[in-house]
Amino acid sequence: MPDLVGDIKKRLTLGEREESIRADLLAKGYLEEDVTLALSRSQASAVRMQQRNALRAKTRGLTLKEIFDRLAFGLGSQQFINILLFQTGASLFLIGILNGLKVFFHPFINSYLDESFHYVKRLKTRMVVSGMFNALAFLAFGASIALHDVALFAVSVILGGIFGEIHGSTYDEFLTRTLGTHKTPFLQRHATLGLFIAGVALVIGGLLLDQVVDGYLLLFIIIFFSLVIALLAFLRTRELPRKDLESGIRISLFGFLLDLFKDIGPFFSDKAIIILLLTGSITSFIQVLGYSYYGIFIWEALGNTGFGPFMNVALIFVFALLGTFAGNFITQSNAKEYGKFPLLVFGTILMAIMPLTYFYNPNLLSVAMATILGVVGSSIVGIARSILAVEIVPLKERASFFRLSGLLSSLPLLLFIPLGAWYADAFYFRKLFLLLGMILILIVVPLYMYILLAHDRNKI
């Protein structure tokens, strides 16, 4: 039977008609049942092949986009941007504020765009426009450094962040519409490759900034053309417009936020959910402030040791990228046995090791190890929180919870990021790092422990 199926597949590929193949095989003495079954299997195989070829055609341009996007992501590391902004003359206060604003706007932009997609038939125009403005922001970074214009740099950071968020959210929706159920496998296949490309790009960026005169100009030009090539690759992908949608955005931002926050009530009846929201807000504040200054501290305090100021930053964060895999493995393999809140406590302690090491033992090796542990901890906390939320939040309220958790975590940033940025500017890095570590140990960990003890029998 396999030989018969293979023979039929070849003849169908060559364009021979099914009736002709059937008649020929019956004339050769094959049984009617065998011929019918072989034809059925051959046709099913041909359909699967056509589907695979169609999927490859869809994803070819998207794969190129993923590659060049990851290249730009690595070269344009936020740590490099913060250091170059500091070199241009920006204060630590301004750097903290800019990073805080980017994180603050993120959930609002994403939630609003998610709602607006219900009214947008075609996404390509929005993708191209937002992608080009995002690319142009990097050229503006280079110009602002050459001109020593801190204001231009700051405005470019904010606009680049906003257009980057629009581009990323729209691309995610485009993948959902174009690939459907194949979206998750597509992203999973490219995750490891993307991480490798980003890591290599980080190293290349460190070399350029350390070894090449005016290397920042070359860096931002490469990023610009990488993003443009990614857009050109994306344009090769055919868009199937959603004909079932009304054209035009029919919602106002104010009305959207009002409706969203109407759903907040049910979440304040469960202590575990309240703790998740509160600790999420505190952790977000710690992460934003810490990552605003970690790279600058490595560049400035440890620049005379190791491999060079920027290369030290690049290598430390390249190895830290690997921590995301470790965090995912630890959480997935231990969540059921030990429970999610114990993992949240463990991950938070690992996160606290990072800023405390920057304060107590700031040498290159210890900082590198602490950064890896901090990224592992952050990954554990993020995954464990998501798993826990799925378990304790009712299904019908889950979508609202995930949207609201991001928004509610962002609101306190309006107060605490300016305070933290002022503290960094007034007392410099090391005292800030001590404060961040102590907040995680003395506030976040006890909150998780409280819920852990209160729900011990439930093994959450």
Protein backbone atom coordinates (compact mmCIF):
# COMPACT_ATOMS: atom_id res chain seq x y z
CA MET A 1 0.00 0.00 0.00
CA PRO A 2 2.75 2.58 0.76
CA ASP A 3 4.26 2.03 -2.71
CA LEU A 4 0.83 2.44 -4.29
CA VAL A 5 0.19 5.67 -2.36
CA GLY A 6 3.60 7.01 -3.35
CA ASP A 7 3.01 6.15 -7.01
CA ILE A 8 -0.39 7.88 -7.00
CA LYS A 9 1.09 11.00 -5.33
CA LYS A 10 3.73 11.27 -8.07
CA ARG A 11 1.15 10.89 -10.83
CA LEU A 12 -1.16 13.47 -9.21
CA THR A 13 1.79 15.86 -8.89
CA LEU A 14 2.47 15.48 -12.61
CA GLY A 15 -1.12 16.53 -13.33
CA GLU A 16 -2.67 13.19 -14.22
CA ARG A 17 -6.40 13.00 -13.60
CA GLU A 18 -7.76 10.86 -10.78
CA GLU A 19 -10.15 8.94 -13.09
CA SER A 20 -7.30 8.02 -15.42
CA ILE A 21 -5.14 6.79 -12.51
CA ARG A 22 -8.03 4.71 -11.11
CA ALA A 23 -8.77 3.09 -14.47
CA ASP A 24 -5.11 2.30 -15.10
CA LEU A 25 -4.61 0.70 -11.66
CA LEU A 26 -7.78 -1.39 -11.94
CA ALA A 27 -6.66 -2.56 -15.38
CA LYS A 28 -3.37 -3.69 -13.80
CA GLY A 29 -5.26 -5.89 -11.36
CA TYR A 30 -5.37 -3.83 -8.18
CA LEU A 31 -8.45 -4.30 -6.01
CA GLU A 32 -11.10 -1.57 -6.04
CA GLU A 33 -10.87 -1.14 -2.24
CA ASP A 34 -7.06 -0.73 -2.32
CA VAL A 35 -7.19 1.81 -5.13
CA THR A 36 -9.92 3.86 -3.39
CA LEU A 37 -8.03 3.85 -0.08
CA ALA A 38 -4.71 4.78 -1.74
CA LEU A 39 -6.35 7.63 -3.65
CA SER A 40 -7.91 8.94 -0.42
CA ARG A 41 -4.57 8.88 1.41
CA SER A 42 -2.78 10.52 -1.51
CA GLN A 43 -5.33 13.32 -1.69
CA ALA A 44 -5.11 13.92 2.08
CA SER A 45 -1.33 14.05 1.83
CA ALA A 46 -1.55 16.48 -1.08
CA VAL A 47 -3.90 18.73 0.91
CA ARG A 48 -1.49 18.73 3.86
CA MET A 49 1.38 19.58 1.52
CA GLN A 50 -0.60 22.47 0.02
CA GLN A 51 -1.38 23.76 3.52
CA ARG A 52 2.29 23.57 4.53
CA ASN A 53 3.35 25.39 1.36
CA ALA A 54 0.70 28.06 1.93
CA LEU A 55 1.89 28.51 5.53
CA ARG A 56 5.52 28.79 4.38
CA ALA A 57 4.50 31.43 1.85
CA LYS A 58 2.71 33.35 4.61
CA THR A 59 5.56 33.17 7.10
CA ARG A 60 8.53 33.72 4.78
CA GLY A 61 8.30 37.49 5.00
CA LEU A 62 7.35 37.34 8.67
CA THR A 63 10.43 35.24 9.43
CA LEU A 64 12.69 37.87 7.86
CA LYS A 65 10.89 40.53 9.84
CA GLU A 66 11.47 38.61 13.07
CA ILE A 67 15.19 38.30 12.30
CA PHE A 68 15.78 41.98 11.54
CA ASP A 69 13.54 43.12 14.38
CA ARG A 70 15.60 41.04 16.83
CA LEU A 71 18.80 42.46 15.35
CA ALA A 72 17.53 45.99 15.93
CA PHE A 73 16.30 45.05 19.41
CA GLY A 74 19.75 43.83 20.45
CA LEU A 75 21.64 46.74 18.92
CA GLY A 76 19.21 49.24 20.40
CA SER A 77 19.31 47.80 23.93
CA GLN A 78 17.66 50.08 26.48
CA GLN A 79 20.86 49.87 28.53
CA PHE A 80 22.83 51.41 25.63
CA ILE A 81 20.17 54.10 25.18
CA ASN A 82 20.29 55.02 28.88
CA ILE A 83 24.10 55.26 28.87
CA LEU A 84 24.17 57.38 25.70
CA LEU A 85 21.48 59.63 27.13
CA PHE A 86 23.59 60.02 30.28
CA GLN A 87 26.66 60.80 28.15
CA THR A 88 24.70 63.46 26.28
CA GLY A 89 24.15 65.32 29.54
CA ALA A 90 20.81 64.06 30.86
CA SER A 91 20.42 63.87 34.62
CA LEU A 92 19.65 60.61 36.39
CA PHE A 93 16.29 62.13 37.31
CA LEU A 94 15.38 62.66 33.63
CA ILE A 95 16.54 59.16 32.66
CA GLY A 96 14.36 57.61 35.36
CA ILE A 97 11.36 59.71 34.32
CA LEU A 98 11.71 58.76 30.64
CA ASN A 99 11.93 55.05 31.42
CA GLY A 100 8.98 55.36 33.78
CA LEU A 101 6.83 57.13 31.20
CA LYS A 102 7.49 54.41 28.62
CA VAL A 103 6.36 51.72 31.04
CA PHE A 104 3.42 53.82 32.27
CA PHE A 105 1.98 54.31 28.76
CA HIS A 106 2.52 50.67 27.74
CA PRO A 107 -0.64 49.04 29.19
CA PHE A 108 -2.88 51.98 28.27
CA ILE A 109 -1.74 51.95 24.65
CA ASN A 110 -1.99 48.17 24.39
CA SER A 111 -5.44 47.97 25.97
CA TYR A 112 -6.79 50.79 23.80
CA LEU A 113 -5.35 49.24 20.65
CA ASP A 114 -6.76 45.82 21.53
CA GLU A 115 -10.19 47.40 21.70
CA SER A 116 -9.70 49.41 18.51
CA PHE A 117 -8.80 46.29 16.50
CA HIS A 118 -12.49 45.35 16.55
CA TYR A 119 -13.05 48.24 14.13
CA VAL A 120 -9.97 48.08 11.90
CA LYS A 121 -10.27 46.01 8.71
CA ARG A 122 -6.70 46.49 7.49
CA LEU A 123 -3.59 46.70 9.64
CA LYS A 124 -0.76 47.14 7.15
CA THR A 125 -0.96 50.92 6.94
CA ARG A 126 -0.80 51.28 10.72
CA MET A 127 2.11 48.79 10.80
CA VAL A 128 4.14 50.66 8.19
CA VAL A 129 3.52 54.16 9.59
CA SER A 130 4.29 53.23 13.20
CA GLY A 131 7.29 51.15 12.10
CA MET A 132 8.80 54.01 10.10
CA PHE A 133 8.39 56.50 12.95
CA ASN A 134 9.96 53.99 15.31
CA ALA A 135 12.92 53.60 12.92
CA LEU A 136 13.29 57.37 12.48
CA ALA A 137 13.46 57.77 16.27
CA PHE A 138 16.82 55.97 16.24
CA LEU A 139 18.19 58.39 13.66
CA ALA A 140 16.97 61.18 15.93
CA PHE A 141 18.93 59.57 18.81
CA GLY A 142 22.12 59.82 16.77
CA ALA A 143 21.42 63.42 15.77
CA SER A 144 20.69 64.44 19.36
CA ILE A 145 23.99 62.95 20.59
CA ALA A 146 25.94 64.71 17.83
CA LEU A 147 24.23 68.00 18.70
CA HIS A 148 24.38 67.38 22.48
CA ASP A 149 20.66 68.09 22.52
CA VAL A 150 19.13 66.38 25.57
CA ALA A 151 15.63 67.69 24.79
CA LEU A 152 15.64 66.15 21.30
CA PHE A 153 16.90 62.88 22.74
CA ALA A 154 14.17 62.85 25.40
CA VAL A 155 11.38 63.61 22.93
CA SER A 156 12.73 60.93 20.57
CA VAL A 157 12.75 58.36 23.38
CA ILE A 158 9.10 59.05 24.24
CA LEU A 159 7.86 59.11 20.62
CA GLY A 160 9.95 56.08 19.69
CA GLY A 161 8.51 54.20 22.66
CA ILE A 162 4.91 55.10 21.74
CA PHE A 163 5.28 54.19 18.07
CA GLY A 164 7.16 51.04 19.03
CA GLU A 165 4.24 49.97 21.24
CA ILE A 166 1.74 50.70 18.46
CA HIS A 167 3.83 48.72 15.99
CA GLY A 168 4.27 45.76 18.33
CA SER A 169 0.59 45.51 19.30
CA THR A 170 -0.55 45.84 15.70
CA TYR A 171 1.94 43.19 14.57
CA ASP A 172 0.63 40.81 17.24
CA GLU A 173 -2.92 41.31 15.98
CA PHE A 174 -1.73 40.86 12.39
CA LEU A 175 -0.18 37.50 13.31
CA THR A 176 -3.44 36.44 14.96
CA ARG A 177 -5.44 37.29 11.86
CA THR A 178 -2.96 35.90 9.35
CA LEU A 179 -1.75 32.72 11.05
CA GLY A 180 -4.66 31.85 13.34
CA THR A 181 -3.84 28.70 15.27
CA HIS A 182 -0.36 28.64 13.71
CA LYS A 183 0.60 31.89 15.49
CA THR A 184 1.85 30.32 18.73
CA PRO A 185 3.98 27.61 17.00
CA PHE A 186 5.42 30.29 14.69
CA LEU A 187 6.48 32.48 17.63
CA GLN A 188 7.81 29.49 19.59
CA ARG A 189 9.96 28.39 16.64
CA HIS A 190 11.53 31.82 16.42
CA ALA A 191 11.94 32.48 20.15
CA THR A 192 15.32 30.77 20.56
CA LEU A 193 16.64 32.11 17.26
CA GLY A 194 15.48 35.59 18.17
CA LEU A 195 17.19 35.41 21.54
CA PHE A 196 20.43 34.29 19.90
CA ILE A 197 20.29 37.11 17.33
CA ALA A 198 19.56 39.69 20.05
CA GLY A 199 22.49 38.41 22.11
CA VAL A 200 24.91 38.59 19.16
CA ALA A 201 23.60 42.06 18.32
CA LEU A 202 24.23 43.21 21.90
CA VAL A 203 27.86 42.13 21.61
CA ILE A 204 28.23 43.84 18.22
CA GLY A 205 26.72 47.00 19.68
CA GLY A 206 29.17 46.92 22.59
CA LEU A 207 32.10 46.56 20.18
CA LEU A 208 30.91 49.44 18.01
CA LEU A 209 30.44 51.78 20.96
CA ASP A 210 33.78 50.85 22.56
CA GLN A 211 36.04 50.52 19.51
CA VAL A 212 34.70 52.80 16.76
CA VAL A 213 34.98 56.58 16.81
CA ASP A 214 31.43 57.94 16.75
CA GLY A 215 30.27 54.35 16.90
CA TYR A 216 26.87 55.48 18.11
CA LEU A 217 26.13 56.99 14.67
CA LEU A 218 26.97 53.74 12.92
CA LEU A 219 24.95 51.84 15.52
CA PHE A 220 21.79 53.89 15.00
CA ILE A 221 22.16 53.81 11.20
CA ILE A 222 22.35 50.00 11.30
CA ILE A 223 19.29 49.89 13.56
CA PHE A 224 17.38 52.19 11.20
CA PHE A 225 18.10 50.06 8.13
CA SER A 226 17.37 46.85 10.06
CA LEU A 227 13.92 48.14 10.94
CA VAL A 228 13.33 49.33 7.36
CA ILE A 229 14.34 45.91 5.98
CA ALA A 230 12.01 44.29 8.52
CA LEU A 231 9.16 46.47 7.21
CA LEU A 232 9.97 45.63 3.58
CA ALA A 233 9.98 41.93 4.47
CA PHE A 234 6.64 42.37 6.22
CA LEU A 235 5.13 43.97 3.12
CA ARG A 236 5.68 40.68 1.27
CA THR A 237 3.02 39.10 3.48
CA ARG A 238 -0.48 39.21 2.08
CA GLU A 239 -3.11 40.70 4.38
CA LEU A 240 -6.61 39.28 4.41
CA PRO A 241 -8.86 42.17 5.49
CA ARG A 242 -11.55 41.47 8.07
CA LYS A 243 -14.75 42.14 6.12
CA ASP A 244 -16.90 41.50 9.17
CA LEU A 245 -15.62 44.65 10.88
CA GLU A 246 -16.85 48.22 10.60
CA SER A 247 -14.19 50.60 9.32
CA GLY A 248 -12.96 53.40 11.54
CA ILE A 249 -12.27 53.50 15.27
CA ARG A 250 -15.57 54.01 17.09
CA ILE A 251 -14.32 54.44 20.64
CA SER A 252 -12.96 57.39 22.56
CA LEU A 253 -9.99 56.96 24.86
CA PHE A 254 -11.87 58.48 27.79
CA GLY A 255 -14.89 56.25 27.27
CA PHE A 256 -12.69 53.19 26.90
CA LEU A 257 -10.88 53.84 30.19
CA LEU A 258 -14.18 54.56 31.97
CA ASP A 259 -15.66 51.25 30.83
CA LEU A 260 -12.48 49.39 31.71
CA PHE A 261 -12.32 50.63 35.29
CA LYS A 262 -16.00 49.77 35.84
CA ASP A 263 -14.85 46.14 35.98
CA ILE A 264 -12.51 46.73 38.90
CA GLY A 265 -14.97 45.99 41.73
CA PRO A 266 -15.02 42.16 41.78
CA PHE A 267 -11.24 41.94 42.10
CA PHE A 268 -11.19 43.61 45.52
CA SER A 269 -13.19 40.83 47.18
CA ASP A 270 -10.30 38.33 47.10
CA LYS A 271 -7.19 38.90 49.24
CA ALA A 272 -4.98 36.86 46.95
CA ILE A 273 -5.97 38.99 43.93
CA ILE A 274 -5.42 42.20 45.91
CA ILE A 275 -1.93 40.98 46.88
CA LEU A 276 -1.18 40.09 43.27
CA LEU A 277 -2.18 43.58 42.12
CA LEU A 278 -0.26 45.32 44.91
CA THR A 279 2.93 43.28 44.56
CA GLY A 280 2.73 43.66 40.80
CA SER A 281 2.72 47.42 41.18
CA ILE A 282 5.67 47.42 43.60
CA THR A 283 7.67 44.98 41.47
CA SER A 284 7.03 47.07 38.36
CA PHE A 285 8.32 50.17 40.16
CA ILE A 286 11.47 48.29 41.29
CA GLN A 287 12.13 46.91 37.82
CA VAL A 288 11.70 50.24 36.06
CA LEU A 289 14.01 52.14 38.40
CA GLY A 290 16.61 49.39 38.57
CA TYR A 291 16.90 48.84 34.83
CA SER A 292 17.06 52.60 34.28
CA TYR A 293 20.42 52.68 36.08
CA TYR A 294 22.01 49.19 36.11
CA GLY A 295 23.69 49.68 32.72
CA ILE A 296 24.90 53.19 33.56
CA PHE A 297 26.41 51.91 36.82
CA ILE A 298 28.26 49.07 35.06
CA TRP A 299 29.49 51.44 32.36
CA GLU A 300 30.69 54.09 34.81
CA ALA A 301 31.85 52.17 37.91
CA LEU A 302 33.24 49.06 36.20
CA GLY A 303 34.29 50.51 32.85
CA ASN A 304 38.02 50.33 33.65
CA THR A 305 37.89 46.58 34.24
CA GLY A 306 36.99 43.61 32.09
CA PHE A 307 36.34 44.01 28.38
CA GLY A 308 35.52 47.70 28.09
CA PRO A 309 32.69 49.93 29.35
CA PHE A 310 30.01 49.06 26.79
CA MET A 311 31.22 45.50 26.22
CA ASN A 312 30.91 44.78 29.95
CA VAL A 313 27.29 45.91 29.80
CA ALA A 314 26.66 43.86 26.66
CA LEU A 315 28.16 40.62 27.97
CA ILE A 316 26.47 40.84 31.36
CA PHE A 317 23.04 41.28 29.80
CA VAL A 318 23.70 38.65 27.12
CA PHE A 319 24.28 36.06 29.82
CA ALA A 320 21.28 37.43 31.69
CA LEU A 321 19.11 36.71 28.64
CA LEU A 322 19.78 33.03 29.20
CA GLY A 323 18.17 33.41 32.61
CA THR A 324 14.75 33.65 30.95
CA PHE A 325 15.03 29.99 29.90
CA ALA A 326 16.09 28.94 33.40
CA GLY A 327 13.23 30.87 34.98
CA ASN A 328 10.69 29.28 32.66
CA PHE A 329 12.05 25.77 33.36
CA ILE A 330 12.10 26.24 37.14
CA THR A 331 8.54 27.57 37.24
CA GLN A 332 6.95 25.03 34.92
CA SER A 333 8.65 22.06 36.59
CA ASN A 334 8.03 23.09 40.23
CA ALA A 335 4.74 25.04 40.25
CA LYS A 336 2.52 22.00 40.86
CA GLU A 337 4.76 20.38 43.47
CA TYR A 338 5.59 23.41 45.60
CA GLY A 339 2.81 25.86 44.72
CA LYS A 340 2.91 29.23 43.03
CA PHE A 341 3.28 31.51 46.05
CA PRO A 342 6.44 29.72 47.28
CA LEU A 343 7.86 30.25 43.79
CA LEU A 344 6.87 33.92 43.98
CA VAL A 345 8.78 34.22 47.27
CA PHE A 346 11.80 32.43 45.80
CA GLY A 347 11.76 34.51 42.60
CA THR A 348 11.42 37.78 44.53
CA ILE A 349 14.43 36.91 46.70
CA LEU A 350 16.46 36.22 43.55
CA MET A 351 15.33 39.59 42.17
CA ALA A 352 16.47 41.31 45.39
CA ILE A 353 19.94 39.77 45.09
CA MET A 354 20.57 41.86 41.98
CA PRO A 355 20.32 45.43 43.40
CA LEU A 356 21.77 44.36 46.78
CA THR A 357 24.89 42.96 45.05
CA TYR A 358 25.26 46.18 43.07
CA PHE A 359 25.36 47.94 46.46
CA TYR A 360 27.42 45.59 48.62
CA ASN A 361 29.86 43.94 46.20
CA PRO A 362 30.13 45.87 42.92
CA ASN A 363 32.81 43.94 41.02
CA LEU A 364 32.38 42.63 37.50
CA LEU A 365 31.98 38.93 38.34
CA SER A 366 29.55 39.38 41.24
CA VAL A 367 27.49 41.93 39.31
CA ALA A 368 27.29 39.55 36.34
CA MET A 369 26.15 36.63 38.52
CA ALA A 370 23.65 38.82 40.40
CA THR A 371 22.21 40.10 37.11
CA ILE A 372 21.68 36.55 35.88
CA LEU A 373 19.98 35.61 39.16
CA GLY A 374 17.84 38.74 38.99
CA VAL A 375 16.64 37.91 35.48
CA VAL A 376 15.93 34.30 36.52
CA GLY A 377 13.93 35.60 39.49
CA SER A 378 12.03 38.07 37.36
CA SER A 379 11.13 35.31 34.91
CA ILE A 380 9.98 33.03 37.74
CA VAL A 381 7.81 35.77 39.24
CA GLY A 382 6.25 36.71 35.90
CA ILE A 383 5.35 33.15 34.92
CA ALA A 384 4.17 32.14 38.41
CA ARG A 385 1.93 35.22 38.62
CA SER A 386 0.33 34.35 35.27
CA ILE A 387 -0.27 30.72 36.25
CA LEU A 388 -1.68 31.77 39.62
CA ALA A 389 -3.97 34.35 38.07
CA VAL A 390 -5.39 31.73 35.71
CA GLU A 391 -6.21 29.52 38.71
CA ILE A 392 -7.75 32.07 41.10
CA VAL A 393 -9.51 34.46 38.71
CA PRO A 394 -12.84 33.20 37.30
CA LEU A 395 -12.77 32.52 33.56
CA LYS A 396 -15.32 35.21 32.65
CA GLU A 397 -13.30 37.85 34.54
CA ARG A 398 -9.83 36.72 33.44
CA ALA A 399 -9.45 38.97 30.39
CA SER A 400 -10.47 42.01 32.45
CA PHE A 401 -8.05 41.02 35.21
CA PHE A 402 -5.02 40.83 32.93
CA ARG A 403 -5.84 44.18 31.37
CA LEU A 404 -6.54 45.84 34.69
CA SER A 405 -3.47 44.37 36.39
CA GLY A 406 -1.23 46.13 33.88
CA LEU A 407 -3.12 49.40 34.21
CA LEU A 408 -3.26 49.31 38.01
CA SER A 409 0.43 48.43 38.20
CA SER A 410 1.22 51.48 36.10
CA LEU A 411 -0.79 54.10 38.00
CA PRO A 412 1.49 54.21 41.10
CA LEU A 413 4.44 54.82 38.79
CA LEU A 414 3.21 58.42 38.42
CA LEU A 415 4.16 59.00 42.06
CA PHE A 416 6.94 56.54 42.83
CA ILE A 417 9.05 56.82 39.69
CA PRO A 418 9.62 60.58 40.14
CA LEU A 419 10.45 59.96 43.82
CA GLY A 420 12.84 57.15 42.94
CA ALA A 421 14.44 59.13 40.13
CA TRP A 422 14.91 62.09 42.49
CA TYR A 423 16.48 59.76 45.07
CA ALA A 424 18.91 58.42 42.44
CA ASP A 425 19.82 61.95 41.38
CA ALA A 426 20.27 63.15 44.96
CA PHE A 427 22.04 60.16 46.53
CA TYR A 428 23.41 58.41 43.44
CA PHE A 429 23.21 54.76 42.43
CA ARG A 430 24.32 52.61 45.30
CA LYS A 431 21.91 53.94 47.91
CA LEU A 432 19.08 53.54 45.40
CA PHE A 433 20.07 49.92 44.76
CA LEU A 434 20.05 49.25 48.52
CA LEU A 435 16.58 50.80 48.79
CA LEU A 436 15.22 48.71 45.90
CA GLY A 437 16.56 45.47 47.35
CA MET A 438 15.20 46.22 50.81
CA ILE A 439 11.72 47.02 49.45
CA LEU A 440 11.59 43.60 47.76
CA ILE A 441 12.77 41.79 50.91
CA LEU A 442 10.85 43.76 53.55
CA ILE A 443 7.58 44.48 51.71
CA VAL A 444 6.98 42.18 48.71
CA VAL A 445 8.23 38.92 50.26
CA PRO A 446 6.13 39.35 53.48
CA LEU A 447 3.03 40.05 51.36
CA TYR A 448 3.53 36.78 49.47
CA MET A 449 4.25 34.97 52.76
CA TYR A 450 1.01 36.26 54.24
CA ILE A 451 -1.04 34.79 51.38
CA LEU A 452 1.06 31.61 51.45
CA LEU A 453 0.25 31.03 55.15
CA ALA A 454 -3.39 31.98 54.71
CA HIS A 455 -3.85 29.55 51.80
CA ASP A 456 -1.40 26.82 52.86
CA ARG A 457 -3.91 24.00 52.58
CA ASN A 458 -4.92 25.00 49.10
CA LYS A 459 -1.36 24.58 47.80
CA ILE A 460 -1.46 27.73 45.68
